[in-house]
Amino acid sequence: MRVLVALGGNALLRRGQRPDARTQRENVQVVAASLARLAERHELIITHGNGPQVGVLALESANDPNLARPYPLDTIGAETQGMIGYWMLQALQNALPGRQVAATINQTLVSAVDPAFDDPTKFVGQVYERAEAEKLAEEYGWTVKPDGQYWRRVVPSPAPQRVVETRLLRRLVRDGVVTVCAGGGGIPVIRNDRGQLQGVEAVIDKDLTASVLAEALEADVLMILTDVPRVARHFGTPRQEEIAHTTPHQLRAEHFPAGSMGPKVEAACRFVETTGDMAAIGRLDEAELILEGGAGTIVTPNATWPLASTL
């Protein structure tokens, strides 16, 4: 079975942790051990978030007195793809001796007139108390919005149209290579008035890119792994209710926050609606159980659709 796993940025840098390389590499070791068990039984494609890392590097760049101007977000996105890709590549090679593993740098095509450029919603960087976030926003020209009880920087997040290197990724997967790709949703690019690729100031939602890529690579399952066990109605309230098995039609009747669970639900719904296959949202440490239908939120075309374990 071909499985595309989309890892949340919190798998590499959890809330409250210091954003240093050692901490993140230790987290990657845990991630790789879990994913290696999947790779032993399935064709595995991995993409990952980069919101915390992009925010850290953007702040460093803005504060660097040796730079005439800060690095743009597309370049910082490429930096994080290389950095996290290297960590994932090495950890997976160590966890899967004898298997071929590749980590690639990928661009994702977006529309130059996407309305998201006028309404930033994608959280990047660490969390702040409101007063500190507003001070940083004034100092650096950021847009900040509440993220739960904290505040974070937000940047434009245009919709992904296609991963530019899809044909290359398809060849890697067909050759049995465990492939780490399209990190952070891919480096955002447009086609300019000369038809050439050009980077833009944005961060693409990695879950929506994962949905587009999973369809293009003919994945049987799209699995979105985060830090909550299931999608929940009325999350964080006394009425909270976890959803075990659902359909795109049922999920679209609910409301989920645009900056967190919303894109995950949208990505899962798009994949299932387009392909007729299965998507799931759940915890990294329950990945194997999710594929068997015993954990996470399973999304299928209808309520009687067979789970991945029976496909």
Protein backbone atom coordinates (compact mmCIF):
# COMPACT_ATOMS: atom_id res chain seq x y z
CA MET A 1 0.00 0.00 0.00
CA ARG A 2 1.25 3.48 -0.83
CA VAL A 3 0.95 5.89 2.11
CA LEU A 4 1.67 9.61 2.14
CA VAL A 5 2.33 10.90 5.66
CA ALA A 6 2.06 14.62 6.40
CA LEU A 7 3.85 15.47 9.65
CA GLY A 8 2.86 18.53 11.63
CA GLY A 9 5.57 21.04 12.54
CA ASN A 10 4.90 20.16 16.19
CA ALA A 11 6.36 16.70 15.53
CA LEU A 12 9.75 18.40 15.25
CA LEU A 13 9.32 21.28 17.67
CA ARG A 14 6.64 20.95 20.31
CA ARG A 15 5.07 23.90 22.05
CA GLY A 16 7.26 25.19 24.84
CA GLN A 17 10.45 23.54 23.58
CA ARG A 18 13.53 25.60 22.78
CA PRO A 19 13.99 25.93 19.00
CA ASP A 20 17.58 24.67 18.94
CA ALA A 21 18.95 22.10 16.50
CA ARG A 22 19.73 19.48 19.14
CA THR A 23 16.18 19.41 20.48
CA GLN A 24 14.69 19.13 17.00
CA ARG A 25 17.08 16.39 15.92
CA GLU A 26 16.19 14.39 19.02
CA ASN A 27 12.52 14.77 18.10
CA VAL A 28 13.27 13.62 14.55
CA GLN A 29 14.82 10.42 15.93
CA VAL A 30 11.50 9.60 17.59
CA VAL A 31 9.59 10.46 14.41
CA ALA A 32 11.88 8.30 12.25
CA ALA A 33 11.52 5.29 14.53
CA SER A 34 7.74 5.45 14.19
CA LEU A 35 7.81 5.98 10.43
CA ALA A 36 10.35 3.21 9.89
CA ARG A 37 7.78 0.68 11.10
CA LEU A 38 5.38 1.90 8.42
CA ALA A 39 8.10 1.77 5.75
CA GLU A 40 8.75 -1.89 6.50
CA ARG A 41 5.25 -2.76 5.29
CA HIS A 42 4.26 0.03 2.91
CA GLU A 43 5.55 2.38 0.21
CA LEU A 44 6.15 5.57 2.19
CA ILE A 45 6.18 9.22 1.16
CA ILE A 46 6.77 11.84 3.86
CA THR A 47 6.14 15.55 3.92
CA HIS A 48 6.48 17.80 6.95
CA GLY A 49 5.60 21.18 8.39
CA ASN A 50 8.08 24.00 8.88
CA GLY A 51 6.07 26.79 10.52
CA PRO A 52 8.12 26.97 13.74
CA GLN A 53 11.42 26.75 11.87
CA VAL A 54 10.46 29.39 9.28
CA GLY A 55 9.54 31.79 12.08
CA VAL A 56 12.84 31.26 13.91
CA LEU A 57 14.97 31.75 10.79
CA ALA A 58 12.93 34.76 9.66
CA LEU A 59 13.47 36.44 13.03
CA GLU A 60 17.21 35.66 12.92
CA SER A 61 17.41 37.10 9.42
CA ALA A 62 15.55 40.27 10.41
CA ASN A 63 17.97 40.79 13.31
CA ASP A 64 21.19 40.07 11.37
CA PRO A 65 23.16 43.34 11.09
CA ASN A 66 25.26 41.89 8.26
CA LEU A 67 22.27 41.64 5.91
CA ALA A 68 21.15 44.61 3.84
CA ARG A 69 17.63 43.12 3.95
CA PRO A 70 16.14 39.95 5.50
CA TYR A 71 15.97 36.77 3.44
CA PRO A 72 12.54 36.38 1.76
CA LEU A 73 10.15 33.66 2.92
CA ASP A 74 10.62 31.47 -0.17
CA THR A 75 14.37 31.32 0.48
CA ILE A 76 13.82 30.60 4.18
CA GLY A 77 11.38 27.88 3.15
CA ALA A 78 14.13 26.31 1.05
CA GLU A 79 16.52 26.56 4.02
CA THR A 80 14.08 24.68 6.25
CA GLN A 81 13.47 22.02 3.59
CA GLY A 82 17.20 21.35 3.43
CA MET A 83 17.69 21.41 7.19
CA ILE A 84 14.72 19.23 8.17
CA GLY A 85 15.19 17.04 5.10
CA TYR A 86 18.76 16.31 6.18
CA TRP A 87 17.68 15.39 9.70
CA MET A 88 14.88 13.16 8.41
CA LEU A 89 17.10 11.57 5.74
CA GLN A 90 19.82 10.58 8.19
CA ALA A 91 17.42 9.37 10.87
CA LEU A 92 15.49 7.22 8.39
CA GLN A 93 18.70 5.79 6.89
CA ASN A 94 19.81 4.77 10.39
CA ALA A 95 16.39 3.31 11.19
CA LEU A 96 16.08 1.47 7.85
CA PRO A 97 19.48 -0.04 7.06
CA GLY A 98 19.68 -1.21 3.47
CA ARG A 99 16.72 0.90 2.25
CA GLN A 100 17.11 3.75 -0.19
CA VAL A 101 15.99 7.09 1.29
CA ALA A 102 15.89 10.46 -0.49
CA ALA A 103 15.17 14.00 0.70
CA THR A 104 14.34 16.48 -2.04
CA ILE A 105 13.96 20.25 -2.38
CA ASN A 106 10.62 21.03 -4.01
CA GLN A 107 8.79 24.04 -5.38
CA THR A 108 5.00 24.35 -5.28
CA LEU A 109 3.17 26.38 -7.89
CA VAL A 110 0.58 28.90 -6.64
CA SER A 111 -1.50 31.58 -8.34
CA ALA A 112 -0.06 35.09 -8.38
CA VAL A 113 -3.58 36.47 -7.80
CA ASP A 114 -4.53 34.13 -4.95
CA PRO A 115 -6.63 36.18 -2.45
CA ALA A 116 -4.55 34.71 0.40
CA PHE A 117 -1.86 37.30 -0.34
CA ASP A 118 -4.28 39.95 0.98
CA ASP A 119 -5.38 37.96 4.05
CA PRO A 120 -2.49 36.27 5.92
CA THR A 121 -3.61 33.22 7.93
CA LYS A 122 -0.64 30.83 8.14
CA PHE A 123 0.98 30.70 11.60
CA VAL A 124 4.78 30.69 11.62
CA GLY A 125 7.35 30.91 14.39
CA GLN A 126 7.00 30.59 18.10
CA VAL A 127 4.11 31.67 20.30
CA TYR A 128 4.09 34.94 22.26
CA GLU A 129 2.00 36.68 24.85
CA ARG A 130 -0.21 39.29 23.17
CA ALA A 131 1.77 42.31 24.29
CA GLU A 132 5.08 40.88 23.02
CA ALA A 133 3.50 39.79 19.72
CA GLU A 134 2.10 43.27 19.12
CA LYS A 135 5.47 44.84 19.92
CA LEU A 136 7.23 42.55 17.42
CA ALA A 137 4.54 43.26 14.84
CA GLU A 138 5.16 46.98 15.14
CA GLU A 139 8.94 46.54 15.04
CA TYR A 140 9.11 44.19 12.04
CA GLY A 141 5.92 45.02 10.16
CA TRP A 142 4.38 41.61 10.91
CA THR A 143 0.73 40.62 11.01
CA VAL A 144 -0.11 38.73 14.22
CA LYS A 145 -3.23 36.82 15.23
CA PRO A 146 -4.33 34.74 18.24
CA ASP A 147 -3.38 31.04 18.24
CA GLY A 148 -5.27 29.51 21.13
CA GLN A 149 -4.26 31.36 24.31
CA TYR A 150 -1.14 32.80 22.63
CA TRP A 151 -0.35 35.00 19.63
CA ARG A 152 1.81 34.23 16.58
CA ARG A 153 2.93 35.80 13.35
CA VAL A 154 0.79 35.01 10.29
CA VAL A 155 1.84 35.14 6.63
CA PRO A 156 0.03 34.58 3.30
CA SER A 157 -0.80 30.95 2.54
CA PRO A 158 -1.91 30.59 -1.10
CA ALA A 159 -3.51 27.36 -2.31
CA PRO A 160 -1.11 24.82 -3.84
CA GLN A 161 -1.75 23.93 -7.48
CA ARG A 162 1.02 21.43 -8.21
CA VAL A 163 4.42 20.37 -6.89
CA VAL A 164 6.75 21.33 -9.73
CA GLU A 165 8.93 18.22 -9.39
CA THR A 166 6.03 15.73 -9.30
CA ARG A 167 7.35 13.63 -12.20
CA LEU A 168 10.70 13.18 -10.45
CA LEU A 169 9.02 12.22 -7.18
CA ARG A 170 6.87 9.68 -9.02
CA ARG A 171 10.00 7.96 -10.33
CA LEU A 172 11.54 7.79 -6.85
CA VAL A 173 8.42 6.25 -5.35
CA ARG A 174 8.09 3.69 -8.15
CA ASP A 175 11.70 2.65 -7.51
CA GLY A 176 10.85 1.88 -3.88
CA VAL A 177 12.66 4.90 -2.40
CA VAL A 178 11.40 6.22 0.96
CA THR A 179 10.93 9.83 -0.10
CA VAL A 180 10.94 12.98 2.06
CA CYS A 181 9.57 15.79 -0.10
CA ALA A 182 7.63 19.06 -0.37
CA GLY A 183 8.55 20.08 3.19
CA GLY A 184 6.63 23.02 4.55
CA GLY A 185 4.17 22.72 1.68
CA GLY A 186 6.96 23.34 -0.81
CA ILE A 187 8.76 26.54 -1.77
CA PRO A 188 6.03 28.91 -3.04
CA VAL A 189 6.54 29.93 -6.67
CA ILE A 190 4.49 31.54 -9.42
CA ARG A 191 4.94 31.75 -13.16
CA ASN A 192 5.78 35.35 -14.02
CA ASP A 193 4.82 37.26 -17.17
CA ARG A 194 7.68 35.55 -19.04
CA GLY A 195 6.48 32.09 -18.04
CA GLN A 196 9.41 31.57 -15.67
CA LEU A 197 9.24 30.29 -12.10
CA GLN A 198 9.68 32.95 -9.44
CA GLY A 199 9.57 32.71 -5.64
CA VAL A 200 6.99 34.67 -3.62
CA GLU A 201 6.63 35.79 0.00
CA ALA A 202 4.39 33.11 1.48
CA VAL A 203 4.25 29.78 3.32
CA ILE A 204 1.99 27.13 1.79
CA ASP A 205 -0.05 24.91 4.07
CA LYS A 206 1.70 21.56 4.08
CA ASP A 207 -1.51 19.56 4.53
CA LEU A 208 -3.11 21.04 1.40
CA THR A 209 0.09 20.37 -0.58
CA ALA A 210 0.12 16.83 0.83
CA SER A 211 -3.41 16.30 -0.53
CA VAL A 212 -2.43 17.53 -4.00
CA LEU A 213 0.75 15.44 -3.95
CA ALA A 214 -0.97 12.30 -2.62
CA GLU A 215 -3.38 12.42 -5.53
CA ALA A 216 -0.61 13.02 -8.08
CA LEU A 217 1.52 10.15 -6.69
CA GLU A 218 -1.49 7.80 -6.55
CA ALA A 219 -1.29 7.20 -2.81
CA ASP A 220 -3.80 4.78 -1.32
CA VAL A 221 -3.91 6.66 1.98
CA LEU A 222 -3.25 10.24 3.06
CA MET A 223 -2.35 10.27 6.75
CA ILE A 224 -2.07 13.64 8.52
CA LEU A 225 -0.24 13.23 11.82
CA THR A 226 -0.43 15.89 14.51
CA ASP A 227 -0.52 16.18 18.32
CA VAL A 228 -4.20 15.37 18.92
CA PRO A 229 -5.68 11.85 18.83
CA ARG A 230 -8.71 12.75 16.68
CA VAL A 231 -10.60 15.59 15.08
CA ALA A 232 -13.12 16.90 17.59
CA ARG A 233 -16.31 18.90 17.40
CA HIS A 234 -16.40 21.91 19.74
CA PHE A 235 -12.70 21.45 20.55
CA GLY A 236 -11.59 22.86 23.90
CA THR A 237 -15.12 23.22 25.28
CA PRO A 238 -17.22 21.09 27.65
CA ARG A 239 -19.10 19.89 24.52
CA GLN A 240 -15.96 18.45 22.90
CA GLU A 241 -16.72 15.24 20.98
CA GLU A 242 -14.10 13.19 19.14
CA ILE A 243 -14.89 11.92 15.63
CA ALA A 244 -13.75 8.36 14.90
CA HIS A 245 -15.11 7.67 11.38
CA THR A 246 -16.67 10.21 9.06
CA THR A 247 -17.13 11.31 5.46
CA PRO A 248 -16.19 14.54 3.65
CA HIS A 249 -19.86 15.51 3.50
CA GLN A 250 -20.22 15.18 7.27
CA LEU A 251 -16.94 16.98 8.02
CA ARG A 252 -17.81 19.92 5.78
CA ALA A 253 -20.94 20.48 7.86
CA GLU A 254 -18.72 21.23 10.89
CA HIS A 255 -16.59 24.29 11.65
CA PHE A 256 -12.86 24.03 12.37
CA PRO A 257 -10.33 26.86 13.00
CA ALA A 258 -8.68 28.15 9.81
CA GLY A 259 -5.21 28.34 11.34
CA SER A 260 -5.02 24.84 12.82
CA MET A 261 -7.44 21.94 12.25
CA GLY A 262 -9.27 23.60 9.35
CA PRO A 263 -6.59 22.96 6.67
CA LYS A 264 -6.10 19.37 7.86
CA VAL A 265 -9.80 18.65 7.50
CA GLU A 266 -9.93 20.38 4.13
CA ALA A 267 -6.91 18.40 2.88
CA ALA A 268 -8.43 15.09 4.01
CA CYS A 269 -11.79 15.92 2.42
CA ARG A 270 -10.23 16.95 -0.90
CA PHE A 271 -8.18 13.78 -1.15
CA VAL A 272 -11.11 11.48 -0.39
CA GLU A 273 -13.49 13.35 -2.68
CA THR A 274 -11.02 13.39 -5.57
CA THR A 275 -9.66 9.84 -5.32
CA GLY A 276 -12.32 7.84 -3.49
CA ASP A 277 -9.58 6.55 -1.16
CA MET A 278 -9.01 6.97 2.57
CA ALA A 279 -7.57 9.82 4.62
CA ALA A 280 -6.89 9.94 8.35
CA ILE A 281 -5.95 12.49 11.00
CA GLY A 282 -4.35 11.44 14.27
CA ARG A 283 -1.26 11.14 16.45
CA LEU A 284 2.18 10.17 15.20
CA ASP A 285 2.66 7.48 17.83
CA GLU A 286 -0.58 5.81 16.70
CA ALA A 287 0.22 5.75 12.97
CA GLU A 288 0.16 1.96 12.64
CA LEU A 289 -3.07 1.69 14.59
CA ILE A 290 -4.63 4.43 12.43
CA LEU A 291 -3.99 2.38 9.30
CA GLU A 292 -5.81 -0.54 10.94
CA GLY A 293 -8.77 1.68 11.72
CA GLY A 294 -8.24 1.56 15.48
CA ALA A 295 -7.25 5.18 16.14
CA GLY A 296 -7.47 8.66 14.68
CA THR A 297 -10.26 10.15 12.60
CA ILE A 298 -10.82 8.00 9.51
CA VAL A 299 -12.32 9.78 6.49
CA THR A 300 -13.80 7.64 3.71
CA PRO A 301 -16.26 8.31 0.85
CA ASN A 302 -19.16 6.80 2.79
CA ALA A 303 -19.86 5.28 6.17
CA THR A 304 -19.47 1.68 4.99
CA TRP A 305 -16.23 2.13 3.01
CA PRO A 306 -13.55 -0.50 3.93
CA LEU A 307 -10.64 0.70 6.05
CA ALA A 308 -7.05 0.66 4.83
CA SER A 309 -6.31 -2.57 6.66
CA THR A 310 -8.73 -4.38 4.37
CA LEU A 311 -7.71 -2.76 1.08
